[in-house]
Amino acid sequence: MTTANKIRVICGDILDFVDDPVVAGDKAYRYFEQGALVIQDGKVADLGFERDILPSLALAYPDQLIDTKRYTGRLIIPGMIDTHIHLPQTEMIGAYGEQLLTWLTEYAFPTEKKFADEDYARQVSQRFIDELLRNGTTTALVFGTVHPQSVNAFFSEAQQRKLRMIAGKVMMDRNCPEDLSDCPESSYQDSKALIEKWHNVDRLSYAVTPRFAPTSSPEQLAKCTQLLEEYPDVYLHTHLSENKDECAWVKELFPESEDYLGVYEDAGLVRRRSVFAHSIHLAERELDCLAKTQASVSHCSTSNLFLGSGLFNLKACEKRGIHVGMGTDVGAGTSFSMLQTGNEAYKIQQLQGEKFSAFKGLYLATLGGARALDLEGTIGNFNTGCEADFVVLDYQATPFLSFRLKEAKTLHERLFAIMMLGDDRCIEATYILGEKAYKRDGQPQFKPTLADISEPSVLKEVS
């Protein structure tokens, strides 16, 4: 019996989103306690309660092997989506003591020089992808370095693992170290060659990647636009309004532009499939422009707090219907975990007197990320036909999490506790196209007894 003839059924508590909780309230999510997810040929074939789906499987698939895996007392969610992360900054995550512009000079640029060596880039790509899967992240929008070999190494590794990934070669032709600099024409030619080699190959997509306005001349930004015109379905991935000193610098470099976003707008780079990381210090005009053009924003909460960059105005984006995803922004971000990224996003909203629910956090990490990347219907939830990338979360991953969950009386209380207290230890398994790509090493650190558990929907055998 071949894999193509096999139906895989994953049973457990299942949660996904069909809309933004801020917009649709309780109708934004689907929750199946003791649910079943049916997978055929790597895609979702059905979703519902186990009691409804299992009895009908033999009739629905009479000539196929049915492989059932039960995750009793676990929570199954779509694979999480990181909408902004840097491959080359993996090894210098958590570097001490600076804000953005000094941090780039002191830490990021020296590390990125190492990626001229493709073997080194390949080794880091393997570690990088291992960490993504270990944290339940199945799709990411990734910065490479100025070196084409950094992107070749990353895409080669992602392709071998059948991952849906988006990445691009950094473009920088000024205000950066000479050995990390390209020029408008070479950056165009290198990017074009990478697009021809990798874009839309298997589950891979390319992002035209000017680092940020200060490191690209107007001539290079024009070359970025040329690439977008020649390849209309590629992405544009860059930074926007992360730091106040950065914003002032952009104003000096581009005095003719109305504002920071205006630099990209004047170049013709603000459009659908344009993803702008950070976007903290935006004027009303810039927010309106993002909404009008259907561009997207990546909210990078751990990085914004770590570098002291500022507090993201999520409510302003919600008001205008701007698509927002979450990004770890490793290595200024301090964790690969989207749970921890949601933890910090909650604090950023608290500091502004706003609420941020666990439903909102998990929405941003799944369907919100898919919408920000223009991939709704492909990934992000368990609608029929979506690619079956998903994560198994363990409510009992640590003794303290299990202890805390004894006091959780509702689904939201359980999810919020996981978002606040959870990390990679909560990821029991990560599946890609219905196949297990990561399994947590060893047994859970804590195996509860019945006396340890009081919430009814968690009162199940731990398998």
Protein backbone atom coordinates (compact mmCIF):
# COMPACT_ATOMS: atom_id res chain seq x y z
CA MET A 1 0.00 0.00 0.00
CA THR A 2 1.59 3.29 -1.07
CA THR A 3 1.47 6.53 0.87
CA ALA A 4 -0.79 7.96 -1.82
CA ASN A 5 -3.35 5.24 -1.04
CA LYS A 6 -3.26 5.86 2.70
CA ILE A 7 -5.72 7.97 4.65
CA ARG A 8 -4.30 9.41 7.85
CA VAL A 9 -6.62 10.33 10.70
CA ILE A 10 -5.32 12.44 13.59
CA CYS A 11 -7.52 12.42 16.68
CA GLY A 12 -7.37 14.80 19.64
CA ASP A 13 -8.76 18.16 20.66
CA ILE A 14 -8.58 20.35 17.52
CA LEU A 15 -8.63 24.13 17.17
CA ASP A 16 -8.38 26.36 14.14
CA PHE A 17 -9.57 29.78 12.96
CA VAL A 18 -11.79 30.88 10.10
CA ASP A 19 -11.62 34.62 10.85
CA ASP A 20 -10.07 37.26 13.11
CA PRO A 21 -11.50 36.99 16.65
CA VAL A 22 -11.69 40.78 16.83
CA VAL A 23 -14.00 40.73 13.82
CA ALA A 24 -15.99 37.54 14.32
CA GLY A 25 -15.85 36.89 18.07
CA ASP A 26 -16.66 33.31 19.05
CA LYS A 27 -17.46 32.49 15.41
CA ALA A 28 -13.84 33.10 14.48
CA TYR A 29 -12.67 29.68 15.67
CA ARG A 30 -13.66 26.02 15.49
CA TYR A 31 -13.01 23.76 18.46
CA PHE A 32 -13.59 20.02 18.40
CA GLU A 33 -13.08 18.33 21.74
CA GLN A 34 -12.20 14.77 20.78
CA GLY A 35 -12.02 15.76 17.14
CA ALA A 36 -10.64 14.09 14.03
CA LEU A 37 -8.58 15.50 11.18
CA VAL A 38 -8.63 13.43 7.98
CA ILE A 39 -5.64 13.77 5.64
CA GLN A 40 -5.35 12.52 2.07
CA ASP A 41 -2.34 13.10 -0.19
CA GLY A 42 -0.91 15.61 2.28
CA LYS A 43 -4.03 17.78 2.36
CA VAL A 44 -7.01 18.15 4.67
CA ALA A 45 -9.90 15.98 3.52
CA ASP A 46 -12.26 16.38 6.49
CA LEU A 47 -12.55 17.86 9.97
CA GLY A 48 -15.05 17.27 12.74
CA PHE A 49 -15.82 15.35 15.87
CA GLU A 50 -14.29 11.89 16.14
CA ARG A 51 -17.70 10.37 16.91
CA ASP A 52 -19.03 11.64 13.57
CA ILE A 53 -16.04 10.98 11.34
CA LEU A 54 -14.63 7.61 12.38
CA PRO A 55 -17.76 5.50 11.73
CA SER A 56 -17.99 6.75 8.14
CA LEU A 57 -14.36 6.33 7.10
CA ALA A 58 -14.59 2.78 5.79
CA LEU A 59 -17.49 3.74 3.54
CA ALA A 60 -15.87 6.98 2.41
CA TYR A 61 -12.52 5.32 1.60
CA PRO A 62 -13.32 1.66 0.85
CA ASP A 63 -10.09 0.79 -0.99
CA GLN A 64 -7.60 2.64 1.13
CA LEU A 65 -5.58 1.91 4.23
CA ILE A 66 -6.73 4.06 7.15
CA ASP A 67 -3.96 4.97 9.58
CA THR A 68 -5.26 6.49 12.84
CA LYS A 69 -3.09 8.32 15.36
CA ARG A 70 -4.67 9.44 18.62
CA TYR A 71 -3.32 12.32 20.71
CA THR A 72 -5.52 12.02 23.76
CA GLY A 73 -5.70 15.15 25.85
CA ARG A 74 -3.51 17.12 23.44
CA LEU A 75 -4.40 20.16 21.35
CA ILE A 76 -3.91 20.04 17.58
CA ILE A 77 -3.59 23.38 15.77
CA PRO A 78 -2.45 24.39 12.27
CA GLY A 79 1.28 24.81 11.79
CA MET A 80 2.42 28.19 13.00
CA ILE A 81 3.59 30.85 10.55
CA ASP A 82 6.52 33.20 11.23
CA THR A 83 6.16 36.25 9.00
CA HIS A 84 9.61 37.75 9.67
CA ILE A 85 12.83 36.02 10.68
CA HIS A 86 16.54 36.23 9.80
CA LEU A 87 18.40 33.02 8.93
CA PRO A 88 21.92 34.46 9.48
CA GLN A 89 21.15 35.87 12.92
CA THR A 90 20.52 32.42 14.41
CA GLU A 91 23.91 32.20 16.09
CA MET A 92 23.84 35.71 17.60
CA ILE A 93 20.37 35.64 19.11
CA GLY A 94 20.25 37.47 22.43
CA ALA A 95 23.25 39.75 21.77
CA TYR A 96 23.52 42.28 24.57
CA GLY A 97 22.82 45.90 25.02
CA GLU A 98 22.14 47.93 21.88
CA GLN A 99 19.31 49.50 19.93
CA LEU A 100 18.71 48.84 16.27
CA LEU A 101 21.36 50.78 14.34
CA THR A 102 24.25 50.02 16.70
CA TRP A 103 23.04 46.42 17.06
CA LEU A 104 23.26 45.97 13.28
CA THR A 105 26.83 47.28 13.20
CA GLU A 106 28.07 45.45 16.28
CA TYR A 107 26.38 42.07 15.86
CA ALA A 108 24.28 41.46 12.74
CA PHE A 109 26.64 42.57 9.99
CA PRO A 110 29.73 40.70 11.28
CA THR A 111 27.73 37.49 11.58
CA GLU A 112 26.22 37.83 8.12
CA LYS A 113 29.67 37.97 6.52
CA LYS A 114 30.14 34.29 7.36
CA PHE A 115 27.43 33.33 4.85
CA ALA A 116 29.78 33.89 1.93
CA ASP A 117 30.68 30.26 2.71
CA GLU A 118 27.87 28.08 1.33
CA ASP A 119 28.84 25.10 3.51
CA TYR A 120 28.51 27.30 6.56
CA ALA A 121 25.17 28.61 5.28
CA ARG A 122 23.99 25.04 4.83
CA GLN A 123 24.95 24.06 8.38
CA VAL A 124 23.13 27.06 9.86
CA SER A 125 20.12 26.40 7.62
CA GLN A 126 19.84 22.90 9.04
CA ARG A 127 19.98 24.18 12.62
CA PHE A 128 17.58 27.02 11.78
CA ILE A 129 14.95 24.70 10.29
CA ASP A 130 15.38 22.24 13.14
CA GLU A 131 14.55 25.06 15.55
CA LEU A 132 11.53 26.16 13.55
CA LEU A 133 10.06 22.65 13.58
CA ARG A 134 10.92 22.14 17.24
CA ASN A 135 8.88 25.25 17.98
CA GLY A 136 5.93 24.26 15.81
CA THR A 137 6.66 26.70 12.97
CA THR A 138 5.96 25.16 9.59
CA THR A 139 6.18 28.22 7.31
CA ALA A 140 8.39 31.31 7.57
CA LEU A 141 9.24 34.43 5.60
CA VAL A 142 13.02 34.48 5.81
CA PHE A 143 15.81 37.01 5.29
CA GLY A 144 18.98 35.53 3.82
CA THR A 145 22.15 37.57 3.46
CA VAL A 146 23.51 39.53 0.51
CA HIS A 147 25.11 36.29 -0.68
CA PRO A 148 23.02 34.22 -3.14
CA GLN A 149 24.52 31.08 -1.62
CA SER A 150 22.71 31.80 1.65
CA VAL A 151 19.38 31.46 -0.17
CA ASN A 152 20.48 28.43 -2.16
CA ALA A 153 21.49 26.68 1.05
CA PHE A 154 18.24 27.52 2.82
CA PHE A 155 15.97 26.56 -0.06
CA SER A 156 17.86 23.30 -0.63
CA GLU A 157 17.32 22.28 2.99
CA ALA A 158 13.67 23.39 2.99
CA GLN A 159 12.99 21.53 -0.25
CA GLN A 160 14.42 18.29 1.13
CA ARG A 161 12.02 18.56 4.07
CA LYS A 162 9.01 19.43 1.85
CA LEU A 163 8.43 22.71 3.66
CA ARG A 164 6.45 25.73 2.50
CA MET A 165 8.99 28.53 2.87
CA ILE A 166 9.56 32.01 1.46
CA ALA A 167 13.02 33.60 1.37
CA GLY A 168 15.18 36.09 -0.46
CA LYS A 169 18.67 37.47 -0.92
CA VAL A 170 19.27 40.73 0.91
CA MET A 171 19.85 43.74 -1.35
CA MET A 172 22.16 46.48 0.05
CA ASP A 173 24.19 48.93 -1.99
CA ARG A 174 25.03 51.65 0.58
CA ASN A 175 25.42 52.36 4.30
CA CYS A 176 26.69 48.86 5.02
CA PRO A 177 30.07 47.08 5.16
CA GLU A 178 31.77 46.89 1.77
CA ASP A 179 31.92 43.10 1.88
CA LEU A 180 28.16 42.95 2.42
CA SER A 181 27.38 45.40 -0.35
CA ASP A 182 26.10 44.72 -3.84
CA CYS A 183 25.03 47.21 -6.51
CA PRO A 184 21.68 47.81 -8.23
CA GLU A 185 22.52 45.69 -11.27
CA SER A 186 24.22 42.80 -9.44
CA SER A 187 21.42 42.64 -6.87
CA TYR A 188 18.90 42.51 -9.72
CA GLN A 189 20.77 39.79 -11.59
CA ASP A 190 21.41 37.68 -8.48
CA SER A 191 17.78 37.96 -7.37
CA LYS A 192 16.50 37.18 -10.87
CA ALA A 193 18.63 34.03 -11.02
CA LEU A 194 17.34 32.89 -7.63
CA ILE A 195 13.74 33.54 -8.68
CA GLU A 196 14.22 31.48 -11.84
CA LYS A 197 15.80 28.67 -9.85
CA TRP A 198 13.49 28.48 -6.82
CA HIS A 199 10.26 30.46 -7.07
CA ASN A 200 7.19 28.19 -7.19
CA VAL A 201 9.39 25.10 -7.12
CA ASP A 202 7.66 22.54 -4.88
CA ARG A 203 6.49 24.59 -1.85
CA LEU A 204 9.07 27.38 -2.14
CA SER A 205 8.50 31.06 -2.96
CA TYR A 206 10.84 34.00 -3.44
CA ALA A 207 10.81 37.37 -1.71
CA VAL A 208 12.57 40.41 -3.19
CA THR A 209 14.43 41.61 -0.10
CA PRO A 210 15.89 45.10 0.19
CA ARG A 211 17.08 45.19 3.78
CA PHE A 212 15.55 48.56 4.60
CA ALA A 213 15.42 51.96 2.96
CA PRO A 214 18.70 53.31 4.42
CA THR A 215 20.77 50.53 2.81
CA SER A 216 19.28 50.81 -0.67
CA SER A 217 19.75 53.64 -3.13
CA PRO A 218 16.79 54.85 -5.19
CA GLU A 219 18.38 53.02 -8.12
CA GLN A 220 18.35 49.73 -6.24
CA LEU A 221 14.76 50.20 -5.09
CA ALA A 222 13.87 50.73 -8.76
CA LYS A 223 15.48 47.36 -9.54
CA CYS A 224 13.32 45.78 -6.82
CA THR A 225 10.26 47.17 -8.55
CA GLN A 226 11.48 45.82 -11.87
CA LEU A 227 11.66 42.33 -10.36
CA LEU A 228 8.13 42.63 -8.98
CA GLU A 229 6.85 43.68 -12.38
CA GLU A 230 8.62 40.82 -14.15
CA TYR A 231 7.49 38.25 -11.56
CA PRO A 232 4.11 39.48 -10.25
CA ASP A 233 3.56 36.70 -7.71
CA VAL A 234 6.85 37.06 -5.81
CA TYR A 235 6.91 38.80 -2.43
CA LEU A 236 8.47 42.06 -1.26
CA HIS A 237 9.98 41.70 2.22
CA THR A 238 11.64 44.55 4.10
CA HIS A 239 11.66 46.61 7.30
CA LEU A 240 9.58 49.68 8.07
CA SER A 241 9.58 52.21 10.92
CA GLU A 242 11.20 50.01 13.53
CA ASN A 243 13.21 52.61 15.44
CA LYS A 244 12.88 56.38 15.87
CA ASP A 245 16.52 57.06 14.96
CA GLU A 246 16.05 54.89 11.87
CA CYS A 247 12.96 56.92 10.88
CA ALA A 248 14.91 60.18 11.26
CA TRP A 249 17.73 58.75 9.14
CA VAL A 250 15.30 57.77 6.39
CA LYS A 251 13.96 61.33 6.36
CA GLU A 252 17.48 62.65 5.80
CA LEU A 253 18.24 60.13 3.05
CA PHE A 254 14.92 60.56 1.21
CA PRO A 255 13.81 64.17 1.84
CA GLU A 256 11.54 64.13 -1.19
CA SER A 257 9.37 61.30 0.18
CA GLU A 258 6.41 62.14 2.39
CA ASP A 259 7.31 59.60 5.08
CA TYR A 260 9.08 56.27 5.57
CA LEU A 261 6.46 54.19 3.80
CA GLY A 262 6.43 56.87 1.13
CA VAL A 263 9.97 55.86 0.17
CA TYR A 264 8.74 52.40 -0.76
CA GLU A 265 5.53 53.81 -2.21
CA ASP A 266 7.44 56.21 -4.48
CA ALA A 267 9.45 53.24 -5.74
CA GLY A 268 6.28 51.23 -6.49
CA LEU A 269 6.94 48.61 -3.81
CA VAL A 270 3.78 48.89 -1.69
CA ARG A 271 1.32 46.31 -2.95
CA ARG A 272 -0.32 42.98 -2.23
CA ARG A 273 2.34 40.46 -1.12
CA SER A 274 4.48 43.27 0.29
CA VAL A 275 5.30 42.44 3.92
CA PHE A 276 6.70 45.20 6.14
CA ALA A 277 8.31 44.08 9.39
CA HIS A 278 7.75 46.13 12.57
CA SER A 279 5.79 49.17 11.29
CA ILE A 280 5.74 50.74 14.76
CA HIS A 281 6.10 54.47 14.19
CA LEU A 282 3.57 55.02 11.41
CA ALA A 283 1.53 58.12 10.62
CA GLU A 284 -2.16 57.92 9.76
CA ARG A 285 -1.35 58.37 6.09
CA GLU A 286 0.98 55.37 6.13
CA LEU A 287 -1.62 53.17 7.81
CA ASP A 288 -4.22 54.21 5.25
CA CYS A 289 -1.78 53.45 2.44
CA LEU A 290 -1.08 49.95 3.77
CA ALA A 291 -4.80 49.27 3.91
CA LYS A 292 -5.51 50.66 0.45
CA THR A 293 -2.73 48.69 -1.22
CA GLN A 294 -3.46 45.41 0.66
CA ALA A 295 0.11 45.29 1.95
CA SER A 296 0.83 43.39 5.16
CA VAL A 297 2.62 43.97 8.45
CA SER A 298 4.66 41.59 10.60
CA HIS A 299 4.40 42.33 14.32
CA CYS A 300 7.71 41.37 15.94
CA SER A 301 6.99 41.73 19.64
CA THR A 302 10.01 40.07 21.26
CA SER A 303 12.41 42.01 19.07
CA ASN A 304 10.61 45.32 19.65
CA LEU A 305 10.92 44.92 23.40
CA PHE A 306 14.47 43.54 23.30
CA LEU A 307 15.83 46.42 21.21
CA GLY A 308 13.61 49.01 22.89
CA SER A 309 12.12 49.91 19.52
CA GLY A 310 8.59 50.83 20.59
CA LEU A 311 5.02 49.58 20.96
CA PHE A 312 3.15 48.32 17.92
CA ASN A 313 -0.31 49.86 17.36
CA LEU A 314 -2.26 46.71 16.59
CA LYS A 315 -5.61 48.41 17.06
CA ALA A 316 -4.86 50.95 14.32
CA CYS A 317 -4.20 48.08 11.91
CA GLU A 318 -7.35 46.25 13.00
CA LYS A 319 -9.43 49.37 12.49
CA ARG A 320 -8.29 49.59 8.88
CA GLY A 321 -8.37 45.88 8.09
CA ILE A 322 -4.61 45.64 7.51
CA HIS A 323 -3.43 42.05 7.45
CA VAL A 324 -1.05 41.42 10.36
CA GLY A 325 1.03 38.34 11.10
CA MET A 326 3.51 37.72 13.89
CA GLY A 327 7.25 37.42 13.41
CA THR A 328 9.90 36.24 15.82
CA ASP A 329 12.55 38.43 14.13
CA VAL A 330 15.31 36.14 15.35
CA GLY A 331 18.01 37.22 16.22
CA ALA A 332 16.83 40.55 17.67
CA GLY A 333 13.85 38.49 18.70
CA THR A 334 14.86 36.24 21.56
CA SER A 335 12.91 33.06 20.81
CA PHE A 336 11.89 30.89 17.86
CA SER A 337 8.66 30.15 19.74
CA MET A 338 5.48 31.74 18.40
CA LEU A 339 3.94 31.05 21.81
CA GLN A 340 6.54 33.29 23.42
CA THR A 341 6.05 35.83 20.65
CA GLY A 342 2.35 35.91 21.57
CA ASN A 343 3.34 36.30 25.21
CA GLU A 344 5.27 39.47 24.43
CA ALA A 345 2.57 40.75 22.06
CA TYR A 346 0.12 40.59 24.96
CA LYS A 347 2.42 42.76 27.08
CA ILE A 348 2.82 45.33 24.31
CA GLN A 349 -0.95 45.74 24.11
CA GLN A 350 -1.24 45.92 27.92
CA LEU A 351 1.24 48.80 27.95
CA GLN A 352 -1.14 50.65 25.63
CA GLY A 353 -4.25 49.85 27.62
CA GLU A 354 -5.51 47.32 25.07
CA LYS A 355 -6.53 43.67 25.33
CA PHE A 356 -4.87 40.79 23.50
CA SER A 357 -6.55 37.42 23.90
CA ALA A 358 -5.08 33.97 23.41
CA PHE A 359 -7.52 33.56 20.54
CA LYS A 360 -6.01 36.63 18.88
CA GLY A 361 -2.49 35.38 19.51
CA LEU A 362 -3.13 31.96 17.98
CA TYR A 363 -5.04 33.54 15.10
CA LEU A 364 -2.05 35.76 14.28
CA ALA A 365 0.27 32.74 14.48
CA THR A 366 -1.87 30.68 12.07
CA LEU A 367 -4.61 32.08 9.81
CA GLY A 368 -3.49 35.69 10.40
CA GLY A 369 -0.03 34.77 9.20
CA ALA A 370 -1.47 32.98 6.17
CA ARG A 371 -3.53 36.06 5.29
CA ALA A 372 -0.50 38.32 5.71
CA LEU A 373 1.39 36.09 3.26
CA ASP A 374 -1.55 35.84 0.83
CA LEU A 375 -1.75 32.09 1.51
CA GLU A 376 -5.23 31.73 2.97
CA GLY A 377 -6.74 28.57 1.48
CA THR A 378 -3.29 26.97 1.24
CA ILE A 379 -2.14 27.00 4.87
CA GLY A 380 -3.31 28.53 8.14
CA ASN A 381 -6.36 26.43 9.02
CA PHE A 382 -7.99 23.04 8.43
CA ASN A 383 -10.35 23.94 5.61
CA THR A 384 -10.74 21.15 3.09
CA GLY A 385 -7.91 21.26 0.57
CA CYS A 386 -5.44 23.08 2.82
CA GLU A 387 -1.98 21.58 3.15
CA ALA A 388 -1.84 19.41 6.26
CA ASP A 389 0.88 21.15 8.25
CA PHE A 390 -0.03 21.03 11.93
CA VAL A 391 1.27 20.95 15.48
CA VAL A 392 0.44 18.84 18.53
CA LEU A 393 0.55 20.87 21.76
CA ASP A 394 1.00 19.09 25.09
CA TYR A 395 -1.02 20.56 27.95
CA GLN A 396 1.17 18.61 30.41
CA ALA A 397 4.56 19.58 28.99
CA THR A 398 5.95 20.80 32.32
CA PRO A 399 4.96 20.21 35.95
CA PHE A 400 4.15 23.87 36.45
CA LEU A 401 2.01 24.16 33.31
CA SER A 402 0.01 21.13 34.41
CA PHE A 403 -0.34 22.61 37.89
CA ARG A 404 -1.49 25.93 36.46
CA LEU A 405 -4.02 24.33 34.13
CA LYS A 406 -5.83 22.74 37.07
CA GLU A 407 -7.25 26.23 37.65
CA ALA A 408 -8.26 26.81 34.01
CA LYS A 409 -12.04 26.55 33.67
CA THR A 410 -12.53 27.53 30.01
CA LEU A 411 -10.85 26.91 26.68
CA HIS A 412 -9.56 30.47 26.59
CA GLU A 413 -8.02 30.16 30.07
CA ARG A 414 -6.16 27.03 28.96
CA LEU A 415 -4.95 28.65 25.75
CA PHE A 416 -3.88 31.81 27.53
CA ALA A 417 -1.88 29.83 30.10
CA ILE A 418 -0.10 28.00 27.27
CA MET A 419 0.66 31.28 25.50
CA MET A 420 2.08 32.80 28.69
CA LEU A 421 3.92 29.75 30.05
CA GLY A 422 4.55 27.65 26.96
CA ASP A 423 7.55 27.33 24.67
CA ASP A 424 9.21 24.62 22.58
CA ARG A 425 8.61 22.09 25.38
CA CYS A 426 4.88 22.24 24.59
CA ILE A 427 5.45 21.06 21.02
CA GLU A 428 5.01 17.30 21.16
CA ALA A 429 5.04 16.83 17.38
CA THR A 430 5.14 18.83 14.16
CA TYR A 431 3.64 17.43 10.97
CA ILE A 432 4.40 18.47 7.39
CA LEU A 433 1.90 17.43 4.70
CA GLY A 434 0.46 14.93 7.15
CA GLU A 435 3.81 13.30 7.93
CA LYS A 436 5.64 13.67 11.23
CA ALA A 437 8.66 15.94 10.78
CA TYR A 438 9.52 16.48 14.45
CA LYS A 439 8.88 14.51 17.63
CA ARG A 440 9.90 15.82 21.02
CA ASP A 441 12.77 13.76 22.39
CA GLY A 442 11.97 11.34 25.18
CA GLN A 443 8.89 11.32 27.34
CA PRO A 444 7.12 14.41 28.67
CA GLN A 445 8.92 15.83 31.66
CA PHE A 446 5.78 15.38 33.70
CA LYS A 447 3.22 12.57 33.51
CA PRO A 448 0.16 13.63 35.53
CA THR A 449 -1.97 11.39 37.65
CA LEU A 450 -5.72 11.82 37.84
CA ALA A 451 -5.26 13.70 41.09
CA ASP A 452 -3.21 16.30 39.24
CA ILE A 453 -5.96 17.14 36.75
CA SER A 454 -9.25 18.87 37.48
CA GLU A 455 -10.38 20.38 34.13
CA PRO A 456 -12.83 17.96 32.47
CA SER A 457 -11.57 18.26 28.88
CA VAL A 458 -8.02 17.49 30.02
CA LEU A 459 -9.17 14.55 32.13
CA LYS A 460 -7.94 11.94 29.69
CA GLU A 461 -5.30 9.29 29.49
CA VAL A 462 -1.91 10.58 28.44
CA SER A 463 -0.73 8.36 25.61
